[in-house]
C-alpha cells in the first residue's frame, strides 16, 4: 500500500489511496487537487524529496467543501475581580478524498 506525505495549507498529512482527510478550508470552487509528494513509502522502498519527489503526484477530489469542527470553549478569568468572559470557536475544514498516488 502506497503512502505519501503531502502539503496542504501549510500543514503536512500522511495520505493513502481511498482515504478521506480533513484539511484546512480550501478556496471556494475547488473541485480537484493535484498535489506534490514530499515523501513516498511503497512497501520497503522510501523516497524522500528535496523538497518534493520528482514524478510523483497525488490526485484528490473535494468531498465536502465546508465542514465545521467541534466547538472549543475559551474562558478568560481574572481572579478576585469577578471578571470572566466565555467565548467559543468552531474551525472550518474541507474534506478531501485521495484518489490516486502516481
PDB file of N, CA and C in Angstrom:
ATOM      1  N   UNK A   1       0.842  -1.172   0.000  1.00  0.00           N
ATOM      2  CA  UNK A   1       0.000   0.000   0.000  1.00  0.00           C
ATOM      3  C   UNK A   1       0.894   1.244   0.000  1.00  0.00           C
ATOM      4  N   UNK A   2       0.637   2.142  -0.942  1.00  0.00           N
ATOM      5  CA  UNK A   2       1.428   3.361  -1.042  1.00  0.00           C
ATOM      6  C   UNK A   2       0.933   4.392  -0.040  1.00  0.00           C
ATOM      7  N   UNK A   3       1.899   5.074   0.564  1.00  0.00           N
ATOM      8  CA  UNK A   3       1.595   6.198   1.433  1.00  0.00           C
ATOM      9  C   UNK A   3       2.427   7.372   0.955  1.00  0.00           C
ATOM     10  N   UNK A   4       1.889   8.569   1.115  1.00  0.00           N
ATOM     11  CA  UNK A   4       2.616   9.765   0.711  1.00  0.00           C
ATOM     12  C   UNK A   4       2.372  10.863   1.735  1.00  0.00           C
ATOM     13  N   UNK A   5       3.382  11.667   1.960  1.00  0.00           N
ATOM     14  CA  UNK A   5       3.242  12.850   2.804  1.00  0.00           C
ATOM     15  C   UNK A   5       3.005  14.025   1.867  1.00  0.00           C
ATOM     16  N   UNK A   6       1.882  14.729   2.069  1.00  0.00           N
ATOM     17  CA  UNK A   6       1.523  15.850   1.207  1.00  0.00           C
ATOM     18  C   UNK A   6       1.429  17.122   2.031  1.00  0.00           C
ATOM     19  N   UNK A   7       1.519  18.252   1.349  1.00  0.00           N
ATOM     20  CA  UNK A   7       1.458  19.561   1.986  1.00  0.00           C
ATOM     21  C   UNK A   7       0.217  20.279   1.492  1.00  0.00           C
ATOM     22  N   UNK A   8      -0.721  20.564   2.412  1.00  0.00           N
ATOM     23  CA  UNK A   8      -1.947  21.284   2.072  1.00  0.00           C
ATOM     24  C   UNK A   8      -2.137  22.397   3.088  1.00  0.00           C
ATOM     25  N   UNK A   9      -2.139  23.623   2.620  1.00  0.00           N
ATOM     26  CA  UNK A   9      -2.395  24.755   3.506  1.00  0.00           C
ATOM     27  C   UNK A   9      -1.331  24.939   4.572  1.00  0.00           C
ATOM     28  N   UNK A  10      -0.085  24.597   4.286  1.00  0.00           N
ATOM     29  CA  UNK A  10       0.990  24.780   5.245  1.00  0.00           C
ATOM     30  C   UNK A  10       1.114  23.665   6.273  1.00  0.00           C
ATOM     31  N   UNK A  11       0.282  22.629   6.163  1.00  0.00           N
ATOM     32  CA  UNK A  11       0.347  21.501   7.094  1.00  0.00           C
ATOM     33  C   UNK A  11       0.610  20.225   6.307  1.00  0.00           C
ATOM     34  N   UNK A  12       1.298  19.286   6.939  1.00  0.00           N
ATOM     35  CA  UNK A  12       1.640  18.028   6.285  1.00  0.00           C
ATOM     36  C   UNK A  12       0.690  16.926   6.758  1.00  0.00           C
ATOM     37  N   UNK A  13       0.274  16.080   5.807  1.00  0.00           N
ATOM     38  CA  UNK A  13      -0.641  14.978   6.092  1.00  0.00           C
ATOM     39  C   UNK A  13      -0.087  13.702   5.473  1.00  0.00           C
ATOM     40  N   UNK A  14      -0.290  12.575   6.149  1.00  0.00           N
ATOM     41  CA  UNK A  14       0.049  11.269   5.595  1.00  0.00           C
ATOM     42  C   UNK A  14      -1.200  10.769   4.882  1.00  0.00           C
ATOM     43  N   UNK A  15      -1.072  10.506   3.575  1.00  0.00           N
ATOM     44  CA  UNK A  15      -2.220  10.130   2.758  1.00  0.00           C
ATOM     45  C   UNK A  15      -2.017   8.750   2.162  1.00  0.00           C
ATOM     46  N   UNK A  16      -3.087   7.967   2.137  1.00  0.00           N
ATOM     47  CA  UNK A  16      -3.122   6.699   1.415  1.00  0.00           C
ATOM     48  C   UNK A  16      -4.280   6.770   0.432  1.00  0.00           C
ATOM     49  N   UNK A  17      -4.256   5.912  -0.578  1.00  0.00           N
ATOM     50  CA  UNK A  17      -5.326   5.926  -1.569  1.00  0.00           C
ATOM     51  C   UNK A  17      -6.657   5.543  -0.938  1.00  0.00           C
ATOM     52  N   UNK A  18      -7.721   6.161  -1.429  1.00  0.00           N
ATOM     53  CA  UNK A  18      -9.112   5.937  -0.972  1.00  0.00           C
ATOM     54  C   UNK A  18      -9.341   6.404   0.464  1.00  0.00           C
ATOM     55  N   UNK A  19      -8.496   7.291   0.964  1.00  0.00           N
ATOM     56  CA  UNK A  19      -8.633   7.790   2.331  1.00  0.00           C
ATOM     57  C   UNK A  19      -9.214   9.200   2.296  1.00  0.00           C
ATOM     58  N   UNK A  20     -10.035   9.528   3.294  1.00  0.00           N
ATOM     59  CA  UNK A  20     -10.611  10.858   3.411  1.00  0.00           C
ATOM     60  C   UNK A  20      -9.849  11.626   4.474  1.00  0.00           C
ATOM     61  N   UNK A  21      -9.418  12.847   4.120  1.00  0.00           N
ATOM     62  CA  UNK A  21      -8.673  13.701   5.036  1.00  0.00           C
ATOM     63  C   UNK A  21      -9.453  14.973   5.299  1.00  0.00           C
ATOM     64  N   UNK A  22      -9.334  15.496   6.493  1.00  0.00           N
ATOM     65  CA  UNK A  22      -9.932  16.783   6.857  1.00  0.00           C
ATOM     66  C   UNK A  22      -8.803  17.810   6.903  1.00  0.00           C
ATOM     67  N   UNK A  23      -8.802  18.723   5.929  1.00  0.00           N
ATOM     68  CA  UNK A  23      -7.743  19.721   5.799  1.00  0.00           C
ATOM     69  C   UNK A  23      -8.329  21.112   6.033  1.00  0.00           C
ATOM     70  N   UNK A  24      -7.458  22.111   6.162  1.00  0.00           N
ATOM     71  CA  UNK A  24      -7.925  23.481   6.329  1.00  0.00           C
ATOM     72  C   UNK A  24      -8.809  23.883   5.163  1.00  0.00           C
ATOM     73  N   UNK A  25      -9.672  24.851   5.386  1.00  0.00           N
ATOM     74  CA  UNK A  25     -10.655  25.278   4.401  1.00  0.00           C
ATOM     75  C   UNK A  25      -9.977  25.687   3.093  1.00  0.00           C
ATOM     76  N   UNK A  26     -10.436  25.091   2.003  1.00  0.00           N
ATOM     77  CA  UNK A  26      -9.894  25.376   0.673  1.00  0.00           C
ATOM     78  C   UNK A  26     -10.690  26.514   0.034  1.00  0.00           C
ATOM     79  N   UNK A  27     -10.121  27.199  -0.949  1.00  0.00           N
ATOM     80  CA  UNK A  27     -10.854  28.277  -1.612  1.00  0.00           C
ATOM     81  C   UNK A  27     -12.154  27.771  -2.247  1.00  0.00           C
ATOM     82  N   UNK A  28     -13.152  28.627  -2.314  1.00  0.00           N
ATOM     83  CA  UNK A  28     -14.459  28.254  -2.841  1.00  0.00           C
ATOM     84  C   UNK A  28     -14.341  27.907  -4.326  1.00  0.00           C
ATOM     85  N   UNK A  29     -15.026  26.863  -4.739  1.00  0.00           N
ATOM     86  CA  UNK A  29     -14.997  26.448  -6.134  1.00  0.00           C
ATOM     87  C   UNK A  29     -13.947  25.396  -6.442  1.00  0.00           C
ATOM     88  N   UNK A  30     -13.161  24.978  -5.466  1.00  0.00           N
ATOM     89  CA  UNK A  30     -12.143  23.955  -5.694  1.00  0.00           C
ATOM     90  C   UNK A  30     -12.816  22.587  -5.753  1.00  0.00           C
ATOM     91  N   UNK A  31     -12.631  21.876  -6.862  1.00  0.00           N
ATOM     92  CA  UNK A  31     -13.240  20.554  -7.041  1.00  0.00           C
ATOM     93  C   UNK A  31     -12.204  19.439  -6.956  1.00  0.00           C
ATOM     94  N   UNK A  32     -11.031  19.662  -7.582  1.00  0.00           N
ATOM     95  CA  UNK A  32      -9.978  18.648  -7.592  1.00  0.00           C
ATOM     96  C   UNK A  32      -8.642  19.292  -7.267  1.00  0.00           C
ATOM     97  N   UNK A  33      -7.744  18.489  -6.699  1.00  0.00           N
ATOM     98  CA  UNK A  33      -6.415  18.967  -6.335  1.00  0.00           C
ATOM     99  C   UNK A  33      -5.362  18.061  -6.954  1.00  0.00           C
ATOM    100  N   UNK A  34      -4.266  18.643  -7.358  1.00  0.00           N
ATOM    101  CA  UNK A  34      -3.097  17.914  -7.836  1.00  0.00           C
ATOM    102  C   UNK A  34      -1.945  18.347  -6.939  1.00  0.00           C
ATOM    103  N   UNK A  35      -1.487  17.457  -6.060  1.00  0.00           N
ATOM    104  CA  UNK A  35      -0.508  17.812  -5.037  1.00  0.00           C
ATOM    105  C   UNK A  35       0.817  17.108  -5.269  1.00  0.00           C
ATOM    106  N   UNK A  36       1.894  17.742  -4.844  1.00  0.00           N
ATOM    107  CA  UNK A  36       3.216  17.135  -4.880  1.00  0.00           C
ATOM    108  C   UNK A  36       3.427  16.319  -3.609  1.00  0.00           C
ATOM    109  N   UNK A  37       4.212  15.264  -3.722  1.00  0.00           N
ATOM    110  CA  UNK A  37       4.508  14.412  -2.575  1.00  0.00           C
ATOM    111  C   UNK A  37       5.872  14.788  -2.010  1.00  0.00           C
ATOM    112  N   UNK A  38       5.932  14.965  -0.688  1.00  0.00           N
ATOM    113  CA  UNK A  38       7.189  15.259  -0.018  1.00  0.00           C
ATOM    114  C   UNK A  38       7.961  13.980   0.304  1.00  0.00           C
ATOM    115  N   UNK A  39       7.214  12.874   0.501  1.00  0.00           N
ATOM    116  CA  UNK A  39       7.814  11.585   0.842  1.00  0.00           C
ATOM    117  C   UNK A  39       6.868  10.496   0.362  1.00  0.00           C
ATOM    118  N   UNK A  40       7.401   9.429  -0.189  1.00  0.00           N
ATOM    119  CA  UNK A  40       6.576   8.317  -0.667  1.00  0.00           C
ATOM    120  C   UNK A  40       7.095   7.024  -0.059  1.00  0.00           C
ATOM    121  N   UNK A  41       6.176   6.237   0.518  1.00  0.00           N
ATOM    122  CA  UNK A  41       6.513   4.931   1.084  1.00  0.00           C
ATOM    123  C   UNK A  41       5.732   3.887   0.304  1.00  0.00           C
ATOM    124  N   UNK A  42       6.460   2.944  -0.330  1.00  0.00           N
ATOM    125  CA  UNK A  42       5.840   1.873  -1.098  1.00  0.00           C
ATOM    126  C   UNK A  42       6.472   0.557  -0.652  1.00  0.00           C
ATOM    127  N   UNK A  43       5.841  -0.082   0.311  1.00  0.00           N
ATOM    128  CA  UNK A  43       6.402  -1.318   0.859  1.00  0.00           C
ATOM    129  C   UNK A  43       7.680  -1.023   1.623  1.00  0.00           C
ATOM    130  N   UNK A  44       8.807  -1.577   1.158  1.00  0.00           N
ATOM    131  CA  UNK A  44      10.095  -1.330   1.799  1.00  0.00           C
ATOM    132  C   UNK A  44      10.850  -0.173   1.165  1.00  0.00           C
ATOM    133  N   UNK A  45      10.343   0.347   0.040  1.00  0.00           N
ATOM    134  CA  UNK A  45      11.004   1.456  -0.645  1.00  0.00           C
ATOM    135  C   UNK A  45      10.498   2.792  -0.107  1.00  0.00           C
ATOM    136  N   UNK A  46      11.419   3.681   0.203  1.00  0.00           N
ATOM    137  CA  UNK A  46      11.075   5.015   0.679  1.00  0.00           C
ATOM    138  C   UNK A  46      11.826   6.033  -0.166  1.00  0.00           C
ATOM    139  N   UNK A  47      11.080   6.984  -0.714  1.00  0.00           N
ATOM    140  CA  UNK A  47      11.678   8.061  -1.492  1.00  0.00           C
ATOM    141  C   UNK A  47      11.448   9.370  -0.759  1.00  0.00           C
ATOM    142  N   UNK A  48      12.531  10.100  -0.520  1.00  0.00           N
ATOM    143  CA  UNK A  48      12.438  11.384   0.158  1.00  0.00           C
ATOM    144  C   UNK A  48      12.739  12.466  -0.865  1.00  0.00           C
ATOM    145  N   UNK A  49      11.873  13.476  -0.937  1.00  0.00           N
ATOM    146  CA  UNK A  49      12.046  14.542  -1.907  1.00  0.00           C
ATOM    147  C   UNK A  49      12.920  15.660  -1.388  1.00  0.00           C
ATOM    148  N   UNK A  50      13.433  16.447  -2.326  1.00  0.00           N
ATOM    149  CA  UNK A  50      14.233  17.624  -1.960  1.00  0.00           C
ATOM    150  C   UNK A  50      13.730  18.833  -2.733  1.00  0.00           C
ATOM    151  N   UNK A  51      12.708  19.505  -2.441  1.00  0.00           N
ATOM    152  CA  UNK A  51      11.725  19.270  -1.380  1.00  0.00           C
ATOM    153  C   UNK A  51      10.614  18.296  -1.766  1.00  0.00           C
ATOM    154  N   UNK A  52      10.399  18.027  -3.085  1.00  0.00           N
ATOM    155  CA  UNK A  52       9.346  17.093  -3.476  1.00  0.00           C
ATOM    156  C   UNK A  52       9.962  15.939  -4.253  1.00  0.00           C
ATOM    157  N   UNK A  53       9.225  14.824  -4.293  1.00  0.00           N
ATOM    158  CA  UNK A  53       9.675  13.654  -5.040  1.00  0.00           C
ATOM    159  C   UNK A  53       9.335  13.887  -6.512  1.00  0.00           C
ATOM    160  N   UNK A  54      10.311  13.771  -7.364  1.00  0.00           N
ATOM    161  CA  UNK A  54      10.103  14.049  -8.787  1.00  0.00           C
ATOM    162  C   UNK A  54       9.274  12.935  -9.428  1.00  0.00           C
ATOM    163  N   UNK A  55       8.293  13.336 -10.224  1.00  0.00           N
ATOM    164  CA  UNK A  55       7.473  12.377 -10.956  1.00  0.00           C
ATOM    165  C   UNK A  55       6.330  11.778 -10.171  1.00  0.00           C
ATOM    166  N   UNK A  56       6.129  12.179  -8.923  1.00  0.00           N
ATOM    167  CA  UNK A  56       5.036  11.640  -8.106  1.00  0.00           C
ATOM    168  C   UNK A  56       4.021  12.749  -7.848  1.00  0.00           C
ATOM    169  N   UNK A  57       2.776  12.486  -8.235  1.00  0.00           N
ATOM    170  CA  UNK A  57       1.678  13.419  -7.999  1.00  0.00           C
ATOM    171  C   UNK A  57       0.583  12.695  -7.232  1.00  0.00           C
ATOM    172  N   UNK A  58      -0.092  13.431  -6.371  1.00  0.00           N
ATOM    173  CA  UNK A  58      -1.206  12.890  -5.598  1.00  0.00           C
ATOM    174  C   UNK A  58      -2.469  13.595  -6.077  1.00  0.00           C
ATOM    175  N   UNK A  59      -3.425  12.817  -6.596  1.00  0.00           N
ATOM    176  CA  UNK A  59      -4.691  13.366  -7.069  1.00  0.00           C
ATOM    177  C   UNK A  59      -5.719  13.234  -5.959  1.00  0.00           C
ATOM    178  N   UNK A  60      -6.467  14.317  -5.740  1.00  0.00           N
ATOM    179  CA  UNK A  60      -7.500  14.300  -4.706  1.00  0.00           C
ATOM    180  C   UNK A  60      -8.709  15.071  -5.202  1.00  0.00           C
ATOM    181  N   UNK A  61      -9.887  14.683  -4.709  1.00  0.00           N
ATOM    182  CA  UNK A  61     -11.096  15.423  -5.039  1.00  0.00           C
ATOM    183  C   UNK A  61     -11.762  15.879  -3.749  1.00  0.00           C
ATOM    184  N   UNK A  62     -12.466  16.993  -3.831  1.00  0.00           N
ATOM    185  CA  UNK A  62     -13.127  17.569  -2.661  1.00  0.00           C
ATOM    186  C   UNK A  62     -14.458  16.848  -2.469  1.00  0.00           C
ATOM    187  N   UNK A  63     -14.631  16.233  -1.299  1.00  0.00           N
ATOM    188  CA  UNK A  63     -15.870  15.521  -0.985  1.00  0.00           C
ATOM    189  C   UNK A  63     -16.882  16.505  -0.402  1.00  0.00           C
ATOM    190  N   UNK A  64     -16.472  17.249   0.607  1.00  0.00           N
ATOM    191  CA  UNK A  64     -17.331  18.244   1.251  1.00  0.00           C
ATOM    192  C   UNK A  64     -16.553  19.554   1.316  1.00  0.00           C
ATOM    193  N   UNK A  65     -17.051  20.617   0.663  1.00  0.00           N
ATOM    194  CA  UNK A  65     -16.275  21.864   0.622  1.00  0.00           C
ATOM    195  C   UNK A  65     -16.134  22.555   1.975  1.00  0.00           C
ATOM    196  N   UNK A  66     -17.139  22.417   2.854  1.00  0.00           N
ATOM    197  CA  UNK A  66     -17.057  23.104   4.146  1.00  0.00           C
ATOM    198  C   UNK A  66     -17.680  22.271   5.242  1.00  0.00           C
ATOM    199  N   UNK A  67     -16.888  21.972   6.266  1.00  0.00           N
ATOM    200  CA  UNK A  67     -17.329  21.210   7.436  1.00  0.00           C
ATOM    201  C   UNK A  67     -16.904  21.988   8.663  1.00  0.00           C
ATOM    202  N   UNK A  68     -17.773  22.070   9.661  1.00  0.00           N
ATOM    203  CA  UNK A  68     -17.396  22.737  10.906  1.00  0.00           C
ATOM    204  C   UNK A  68     -16.862  21.719  11.898  1.00  0.00           C
ATOM    205  N   UNK A  69     -15.798  22.076  12.574  1.00  0.00           N
ATOM    206  CA  UNK A  69     -15.199  21.211  13.582  1.00  0.00           C
ATOM    207  C   UNK A  69     -15.934  21.315  14.909  1.00  0.00           C
ATOM    208  N   UNK A  70     -15.413  20.665  15.922  1.00  0.00           N
ATOM    209  CA  UNK A  70     -16.000  20.718  17.249  1.00  0.00           C
ATOM    210  C   UNK A  70     -15.830  22.109  17.846  1.00  0.00           C
ATOM    211  N   UNK A  71     -16.747  22.465  18.736  1.00  0.00           N
ATOM    212  CA  UNK A  71     -16.681  23.776  19.371  1.00  0.00           C
ATOM    213  C   UNK A  71     -15.646  23.766  20.496  1.00  0.00           C
ATOM    214  N   UNK A  72     -14.811  24.783  20.492  1.00  0.00           N
ATOM    215  CA  UNK A  72     -13.833  24.972  21.559  1.00  0.00           C
ATOM    216  C   UNK A  72     -14.318  26.096  22.458  1.00  0.00           C
ATOM    217  N   UNK A  73     -14.238  25.904  23.740  1.00  0.00           N
ATOM    218  CA  UNK A  73     -14.628  26.938  24.699  1.00  0.00           C
ATOM    219  C   UNK A  73     -13.377  27.636  25.200  1.00  0.00           C
ATOM    220  N   UNK A  74     -13.403  28.964  25.153  1.00  0.00           N
ATOM    221  CA  UNK A  74     -12.284  29.772  25.607  1.00  0.00           C
ATOM    222  C   UNK A  74     -12.790  30.639  26.745  1.00  0.00           C
ATOM    223  N   UNK A  75     -12.140  30.546  27.903  1.00  0.00           N
ATOM    224  CA  UNK A  75     -12.583  31.301  29.080  1.00  0.00           C
ATOM    225  C   UNK A  75     -11.455  32.203  29.540  1.00  0.00           C
ATOM    226  N   UNK A  76     -11.759  33.493  29.650  1.00  0.00           N
ATOM    227  CA  UNK A  76     -10.819  34.439  30.249  1.00  0.00           C
ATOM    228  C   UNK A  76     -11.339  34.730  31.647  1.00  0.00           C
ATOM    229  N   UNK A  77     -10.440  34.714  32.621  1.00  0.00           N
ATOM    230  CA  UNK A  77     -10.856  34.832  34.008  1.00  0.00           C
ATOM    231  C   UNK A  77      -9.831  35.647  34.776  1.00  0.00           C
ATOM    232  N   UNK A  78     -10.301  36.631  35.531  1.00  0.00           N
ATOM    233  CA  UNK A  78      -9.436  37.430  36.392  1.00  0.00           C
ATOM    234  C   UNK A  78      -9.794  37.093  37.841  1.00  0.00           C
ATOM    235  N   UNK A  79      -8.827  36.547  38.556  1.00  0.00           N
ATOM    236  CA  UNK A  79      -9.074  36.136  39.932  1.00  0.00           C
ATOM    237  C   UNK A  79      -9.348  37.355  40.819  1.00  0.00           C
ATOM    238  N   UNK A  80     -10.275  37.214  41.752  1.00  0.00           N
ATOM    239  CA  UNK A  80     -10.620  38.215  42.765  1.00  0.00           C
ATOM    240  C   UNK A  80     -11.206  39.501  42.191  1.00  0.00           C
ATOM    241  N   UNK A  81     -11.535  39.525  40.912  1.00  0.00           N
ATOM    242  CA  UNK A  81     -12.099  40.725  40.295  1.00  0.00           C
ATOM    243  C   UNK A  81     -13.533  40.515  39.838  1.00  0.00           C
ATOM    244  N   UNK A  82     -14.031  39.301  39.930  1.00  0.00           N
ATOM    245  CA  UNK A  82     -15.363  38.935  39.455  1.00  0.00           C
ATOM    246  C   UNK A  82     -15.527  39.215  37.955  1.00  0.00           C
ATOM    247  N   UNK A  83     -14.456  38.971  37.221  1.00  0.00           N
ATOM    248  CA  UNK A  83     -14.474  39.182  35.777  1.00  0.00           C
ATOM    249  C   UNK A  83     -14.216  37.846  35.097  1.00  0.00           C
ATOM    250  N   UNK A  84     -15.128  37.442  34.240  1.00  0.00           N
ATOM    251  CA  UNK A  84     -14.910  36.265  33.417  1.00  0.00           C
ATOM    252  C   UNK A  84     -15.687  36.439  32.114  1.00  0.00           C
ATOM    253  N   UNK A  85     -15.124  35.923  31.048  1.00  0.00           N
ATOM    254  CA  UNK A  85     -15.768  36.010  29.738  1.00  0.00           C
ATOM    255  C   UNK A  85     -15.546  34.679  29.029  1.00  0.00           C
ATOM    256  N   UNK A  86     -16.612  34.143  28.479  1.00  0.00           N
ATOM    257  CA  UNK A  86     -16.534  32.868  27.790  1.00  0.00           C
ATOM    258  C   UNK A  86     -16.909  33.077  26.331  1.00  0.00           C
ATOM    259  N   UNK A  87     -16.066  32.582  25.439  1.00  0.00           N
ATOM    260  CA  UNK A  87     -16.350  32.632  24.014  1.00  0.00           C
ATOM    261  C   UNK A  87     -16.138  31.245  23.430  1.00  0.00           C
ATOM    262  N   UNK A  88     -16.654  31.034  22.239  1.00  0.00           N
ATOM    263  CA  UNK A  88     -16.497  29.748  21.569  1.00  0.00           C
ATOM    264  C   UNK A  88     -15.932  29.937  20.176  1.00  0.00           C
ATOM    265  N   UNK A  89     -15.397  28.859  19.621  1.00  0.00           N
ATOM    266  CA  UNK A  89     -14.820  28.906  18.276  1.00  0.00           C
ATOM    267  C   UNK A  89     -15.037  27.561  17.596  1.00  0.00           C
ATOM    268  N   UNK A  90     -15.450  27.590  16.328  1.00  0.00           N
ATOM    269  CA  UNK A  90     -15.572  26.379  15.518  1.00  0.00           C
ATOM    270  C   UNK A  90     -14.769  26.574  14.242  1.00  0.00           C
ATOM    271  N   UNK A  91     -13.723  25.787  14.077  1.00  0.00           N
ATOM    272  CA  UNK A  91     -12.867  25.870  12.902  1.00  0.00           C
ATOM    273  C   UNK A  91     -13.572  25.252  11.698  1.00  0.00           C
ATOM    274  N   UNK A  92     -13.376  25.833  10.525  1.00  0.00           N
ATOM    275  CA  UNK A  92     -13.956  25.300   9.298  1.00  0.00           C
ATOM    276  C   UNK A  92     -12.897  24.495   8.547  1.00  0.00           C
ATOM    277  N   UNK A  93     -13.316  23.344   8.021  1.00  0.00           N
ATOM    278  CA  UNK A  93     -12.442  22.434   7.314  1.00  0.00           C
ATOM    279  C   UNK A  93     -13.053  22.064   5.963  1.00  0.00           C
ATOM    280  N   UNK A  94     -12.251  21.455   5.100  1.00  0.00           N
ATOM    281  CA  UNK A  94     -12.717  20.821   3.868  1.00  0.00           C
ATOM    282  C   UNK A  94     -12.327  19.357   3.940  1.00  0.00           C
ATOM    283  N   UNK A  95     -13.202  18.488   3.430  1.00  0.00           N
ATOM    284  CA  UNK A  95     -12.885  17.070   3.390  1.00  0.00           C
ATOM    285  C   UNK A  95     -12.485  16.703   1.968  1.00  0.00           C
ATOM    286  N   UNK A  96     -11.299  16.074   1.841  1.00  0.00           N
ATOM    287  CA  UNK A  96     -10.844  15.628   0.529  1.00  0.00           C
ATOM    288  C   UNK A  96     -10.620  14.118   0.563  1.00  0.00           C
ATOM    289  N   UNK A  97     -10.807  13.489  -0.596  1.00  0.00           N
ATOM    290  CA  UNK A  97     -10.538  12.064  -0.737  1.00  0.00           C
ATOM    291  C   UNK A  97      -9.367  11.890  -1.690  1.00  0.00           C
ATOM    292  N   UNK A  98      -8.364  11.130  -1.248  1.00  0.00           N
ATOM    293  CA  UNK A  98      -7.186  10.870  -2.080  1.00  0.00           C
ATOM    294  C   UNK A  98      -7.578   9.804  -3.092  1.00  0.00           C
ATOM    295  N   UNK A  99      -7.543  10.174  -4.372  1.00  0.00           N
ATOM    296  CA  UNK A  99      -7.964   9.260  -5.429  1.00  0.00           C
ATOM    297  C   UNK A  99      -6.813   8.362  -5.859  1.00  0.00           C
ATOM    298  N   UNK A 100      -5.630   8.957  -6.135  1.00  0.00           N
ATOM    299  CA  UNK A 100      -4.529   8.178  -6.686  1.00  0.00           C
ATOM    300  C   UNK A 100      -3.188   8.779  -6.312  1.00  0.00           C
ATOM    301  N   UNK A 101      -2.233   7.918  -6.032  1.00  0.00           N
ATOM    302  CA  UNK A 101      -0.853   8.325  -5.830  1.00  0.00           C
ATOM    303  C   UNK A 101      -0.053   7.732  -6.991  1.00  0.00           C
ATOM    304  N   UNK A 102       0.377   8.591  -7.914  1.00  0.00           N
ATOM    305  CA  UNK A 102       1.053   8.095  -9.130  1.00  0.00           C
ATOM    306  C   UNK A 102       2.365   8.806  -9.341  1.00  0.00           C
TER     307      UNK A 102
END
